[in-house]
Amino acid sequence: MRCPHLEKWVVPVCKAKNDPYVPSNFQLHEYCRTKNHTKCPFLLTSVSAGKEKELVSA
């Protein structure tokens, strides 16, 4: 029997990196759902990590 307290939720997931990341409510409202998404620290670190990989492999 299923727990009566279990609810089915839809959770937003960030795919900026290879591993899925669940942003906090603050991050969703401050970055993900606004024009400020380019200022997201998670996105910035994934972009800079990608650039570092390109420089090393070049």
Protein backbone atom coordinates (compact mmCIF):
# COMPACT_ATOMS: atom_id res chain seq x y z
CA MET A 1 0.00 0.00 0.00
CA ARG A 2 1.27 3.45 -0.95
CA CYS A 3 1.88 6.04 1.77
CA PRO A 4 -1.02 8.52 1.90
CA HIS A 5 1.44 11.37 2.52
CA LEU A 6 3.43 10.82 -0.67
CA GLU A 7 2.69 13.41 -3.33
CA LYS A 8 3.78 13.36 -6.93
CA TRP A 9 5.87 16.45 -7.64
CA VAL A 10 7.46 17.88 -10.73
CA VAL A 11 10.96 19.06 -9.86
CA PRO A 12 12.90 21.46 -12.12
CA VAL A 13 16.35 20.13 -13.02
CA CYS A 14 19.33 22.06 -14.36
CA LYS A 15 21.41 20.37 -17.06
CA ALA A 16 24.23 22.94 -17.27
CA LYS A 17 26.67 20.18 -16.29
CA ASN A 18 26.64 16.47 -17.06
CA ASP A 19 25.10 15.67 -13.68
CA PRO A 20 21.51 16.85 -13.13
CA TYR A 21 21.21 19.51 -10.45
CA VAL A 22 18.06 20.55 -8.56
CA PRO A 23 18.17 24.31 -8.05
CA SER A 24 16.91 25.81 -4.79
CA ASN A 25 13.83 28.03 -4.70
CA PHE A 26 16.13 31.03 -4.39
CA GLN A 27 18.10 30.00 -7.49
CA LEU A 28 14.90 29.37 -9.45
CA HIS A 29 13.53 32.82 -8.66
CA GLU A 30 16.82 34.71 -8.81
CA TYR A 31 18.36 33.11 -11.91
CA CYS A 32 16.56 30.28 -13.69
CA ARG A 33 13.24 31.99 -14.35
CA THR A 34 14.59 35.46 -15.15
CA LYS A 35 16.89 37.24 -17.55
CA ASN A 36 19.57 36.84 -14.86
CA HIS A 37 20.12 33.18 -15.80
CA THR A 38 23.46 34.16 -17.32
CA LYS A 39 24.59 35.26 -13.83
CA CYS A 40 23.86 31.90 -12.22
CA PRO A 41 26.96 30.72 -10.32
CA PHE A 42 26.26 27.09 -11.27
CA LEU A 43 26.07 27.99 -14.97
CA LEU A 44 29.17 30.17 -14.77
CA THR A 45 31.25 27.41 -13.17
CA SER A 46 30.12 24.88 -15.77
CA VAL A 47 30.94 27.25 -18.62
CA SER A 48 34.37 28.11 -17.19
CA ALA A 49 35.10 24.39 -16.61
CA GLY A 50 34.22 23.70 -20.24
CA LYS A 51 36.54 26.45 -21.44
CA GLU A 52 39.37 25.08 -19.26
CA LYS A 53 38.90 21.64 -20.84
CA GLU A 54 39.07 23.19 -24.32
CA LEU A 55 42.31 25.00 -23.45
CA VAL A 56 43.92 21.86 -22.01
CA SER A 57 42.98 19.69 -24.98
CA ALA A 58 44.19 22.28 -27.53
